[in-house]
Amino acid sequence: MNTQTVDFDHLNSLEGKSAVVAFLKCSGAQKWSDAMVSSRPFNGLQDLRDKSEAAWSKLNHQDWLEAFSSHPKIGDVNSLREKFASTAAWARGEQQSVSHAPEQVLHGLSDANKRYEEKFGHIFIVCATGKSAQQMLRMLEIRLQNEPGLEFAIACGEQKKITLLRLEKLTA
């Protein structure tokens, strides 16, 4: 299955593995994806959102890290092409502004991403939709000042936003 959209009837009727793959493209967390498959049927977008929130509430630290690892780094075009081919179209759209960013902003993102990973042990997670590369760089620099516990909570919130947007794309 590629990243094309499906309707709720189709999503509700997907066989086990196909359903898990569809949900993994939205979040990257196996436990969350399995919970979403078990939560079917969905009776519309709000029901899907509610069940997604319930599934997120059951995740542990490692599950969140698994979800984070399913994203390319902001501005990392090579990893977008190679490692994340199954979600590349969505991620490209989400990170669209990076492709038009000045070289110094791209270098700034690369440097700040490295410092972020060294400090927090995971990649910088931000819901990039609608944000310029410069805005994301400013956010990254600000969030680098956070304590690890606070930053992890912020990253989890951003992961949820990304997942909800992808669920909407999946069911549009």
Protein backbone atom coordinates (compact mmCIF):
# COMPACT_ATOMS: atom_id res chain seq x y z
CA MET A 1 0.00 0.00 0.00
CA ASN A 2 1.41 3.43 -0.86
CA THR A 3 0.61 6.76 0.76
CA GLN A 4 -2.59 7.29 -1.24
CA THR A 5 -5.67 8.05 0.79
CA VAL A 6 -8.33 5.56 1.81
CA ASP A 7 -11.84 6.03 3.09
CA PHE A 8 -13.09 4.79 6.46
CA ASP A 9 -14.87 1.74 5.00
CA HIS A 10 -11.64 0.65 3.36
CA LEU A 11 -9.55 1.43 6.46
CA ASN A 12 -11.96 -0.51 8.65
CA SER A 13 -11.84 -3.51 6.31
CA LEU A 14 -8.06 -3.75 5.78
CA GLU A 15 -6.60 -7.12 6.74
CA GLY A 16 -4.26 -7.19 9.74
CA LYS A 17 -0.84 -6.61 8.16
CA SER A 18 -2.11 -4.08 5.63
CA ALA A 19 -3.84 -2.14 8.39
CA VAL A 20 -0.72 -2.15 10.57
CA VAL A 21 1.37 -0.88 7.64
CA ALA A 22 -1.13 1.92 6.99
CA PHE A 23 -1.01 3.03 10.62
CA LEU A 24 2.76 2.70 10.84
CA LYS A 25 3.00 5.23 8.02
CA CYS A 26 1.12 7.65 10.25
CA SER A 27 3.08 7.17 13.47
CA GLY A 28 5.95 4.68 13.31
CA ALA A 29 5.14 3.18 16.73
CA GLN A 30 4.30 -0.52 16.46
CA LYS A 31 2.34 -0.61 19.73
CA TRP A 32 0.24 2.41 18.68
CA SER A 33 -0.37 0.90 15.23
CA ASP A 34 -1.44 -2.43 16.73
CA ALA A 35 -3.80 -0.61 19.10
CA MET A 36 -5.32 1.31 16.20
CA VAL A 37 -5.93 -1.89 14.26
CA SER A 38 -7.66 -3.34 17.32
CA SER A 39 -9.71 -0.16 17.79
CA ARG A 40 -11.53 -0.50 14.48
CA PRO A 41 -14.13 0.18 13.26
CA PHE A 42 -13.84 3.96 13.12
CA ASN A 43 -17.01 5.99 12.81
CA GLY A 44 -15.47 9.13 11.39
CA LEU A 45 -12.56 11.46 11.99
CA GLN A 46 -13.38 12.37 15.59
CA ASP A 47 -13.67 8.72 16.55
CA LEU A 48 -10.33 8.07 14.84
CA ARG A 49 -8.75 10.97 16.78
CA ASP A 50 -10.20 9.78 20.09
CA LYS A 51 -8.97 6.23 19.57
CA SER A 52 -5.57 7.55 18.53
CA GLU A 53 -5.34 9.52 21.77
CA ALA A 54 -6.32 6.44 23.76
CA ALA A 55 -3.61 4.42 22.00
CA TRP A 56 -0.99 7.13 22.65
CA SER A 57 -1.84 7.14 26.36
CA LYS A 58 -0.68 3.52 26.64
CA LEU A 59 2.79 4.04 25.18
CA ASN A 60 6.00 3.94 27.16
CA HIS A 61 9.20 5.91 26.59
CA GLN A 62 10.63 3.37 24.11
CA ASP A 63 7.41 3.36 22.07
CA TRP A 64 7.65 7.14 21.69
CA LEU A 65 11.29 6.87 20.64
CA GLU A 66 10.24 4.32 18.04
CA ALA A 67 7.70 6.80 16.68
CA PHE A 68 10.32 9.58 16.62
CA SER A 69 12.74 7.37 14.70
CA SER A 70 10.22 7.00 11.89
CA HIS A 71 10.82 10.60 10.80
CA PRO A 72 13.60 12.07 8.74
CA LYS A 73 15.53 14.88 10.38
CA ILE A 74 14.23 18.31 9.46
CA GLY A 75 16.07 19.25 6.29
CA ASP A 76 17.77 15.88 5.74
CA VAL A 77 16.84 15.30 2.11
CA ASN A 78 19.06 12.22 1.71
CA SER A 79 17.43 10.29 4.56
CA LEU A 80 14.04 11.34 3.24
CA ARG A 81 14.86 9.69 -0.08
CA GLU A 82 16.50 6.55 1.27
CA LYS A 83 15.22 5.46 4.66
CA PHE A 84 11.76 7.00 4.52
CA ALA A 85 10.64 6.18 0.99
CA SER A 86 7.23 4.88 2.13
CA THR A 87 6.31 8.23 3.72
CA ALA A 88 8.52 10.49 1.61
CA ALA A 89 5.61 12.18 -0.18
CA TRP A 90 3.97 13.13 3.10
CA ALA A 91 7.24 14.20 4.73
CA ARG A 92 8.23 16.24 1.65
CA GLY A 93 4.92 18.08 1.88
CA GLU A 94 5.34 18.58 5.62
CA GLN A 95 8.90 19.88 5.20
CA GLN A 96 8.21 21.69 1.95
CA SER A 97 9.75 24.99 3.05
CA VAL A 98 13.14 23.38 3.64
CA SER A 99 13.63 22.76 -0.08
CA HIS A 100 13.60 26.53 -0.65
CA ALA A 101 15.69 27.50 2.39
CA PRO A 102 18.92 29.45 2.07
CA GLU A 103 22.11 27.43 2.44
CA GLN A 104 22.98 29.02 5.79
CA VAL A 105 19.60 27.97 7.23
CA LEU A 106 20.16 24.40 6.03
CA HIS A 107 23.58 24.35 7.68
CA GLY A 108 22.03 25.82 10.82
CA LEU A 109 19.40 23.07 10.85
CA SER A 110 22.06 20.41 10.38
CA ASP A 111 24.21 21.79 13.21
CA ALA A 112 21.28 22.31 15.59
CA ASN A 113 19.92 18.83 14.80
CA LYS A 114 23.27 17.32 15.81
CA ARG A 115 23.36 19.27 19.08
CA TYR A 116 19.74 18.33 19.79
CA GLU A 117 20.38 14.61 19.25
CA GLU A 118 23.48 14.73 21.44
CA LYS A 119 21.56 16.43 24.24
CA PHE A 120 18.25 14.55 24.11
CA GLY A 121 19.12 11.22 22.48
CA HIS A 122 16.51 11.47 19.71
CA ILE A 123 15.86 13.59 16.66
CA PHE A 124 14.09 16.95 16.82
CA ILE A 125 10.37 16.38 16.32
CA VAL A 126 8.23 19.25 15.12
CA CYS A 127 5.01 19.38 13.16
CA ALA A 128 6.61 21.12 10.18
CA THR A 129 3.43 21.71 8.18
CA GLY A 130 3.05 25.41 7.46
CA LYS A 131 6.37 26.39 9.06
CA SER A 132 9.30 27.92 7.22
CA ALA A 133 12.77 26.47 7.57
CA GLN A 134 13.77 29.62 9.45
CA GLN A 135 10.88 29.15 11.90
CA MET A 136 11.85 25.54 12.50
CA LEU A 137 15.47 26.53 13.09
CA ARG A 138 14.35 29.13 15.65
CA MET A 139 12.12 26.54 17.34
CA LEU A 140 14.97 24.04 17.41
CA GLU A 141 17.33 26.59 18.98
CA ILE A 142 14.74 27.50 21.62
CA ARG A 143 13.92 23.89 22.42
CA LEU A 144 17.61 23.07 22.81
CA GLN A 145 17.42 25.10 26.03
CA ASN A 146 14.78 22.81 27.57
CA GLU A 147 15.36 20.21 30.26
CA PRO A 148 15.13 16.63 28.91
CA GLY A 149 11.79 15.79 30.57
CA LEU A 150 10.08 18.91 29.28
CA GLU A 151 11.54 18.46 25.82
CA PHE A 152 10.40 14.85 25.64
CA ALA A 153 6.83 15.92 26.49
CA ILE A 154 6.96 18.62 23.80
CA ALA A 155 8.29 16.10 21.24
CA CYS A 156 5.46 13.71 22.14
CA GLY A 157 2.93 16.49 21.55
CA GLU A 158 4.50 17.27 18.17
CA GLN A 159 4.44 13.57 17.27
CA LYS A 160 0.71 13.49 18.01
CA LYS A 161 0.11 16.51 15.76
CA ILE A 162 2.03 14.89 12.90
CA THR A 163 0.17 11.62 13.35
CA LEU A 164 -3.23 13.32 13.36
CA LEU A 165 -2.38 15.17 10.15
CA ARG A 166 -1.28 11.92 8.54
CA LEU A 167 -4.42 10.13 9.71
CA GLU A 168 -6.46 12.88 8.07
CA LYS A 169 -4.45 12.45 4.86
CA LEU A 170 -4.96 8.70 5.02
CA THR A 171 -8.73 9.03 5.34
CA ALA A 172 -9.33 12.11 3.17
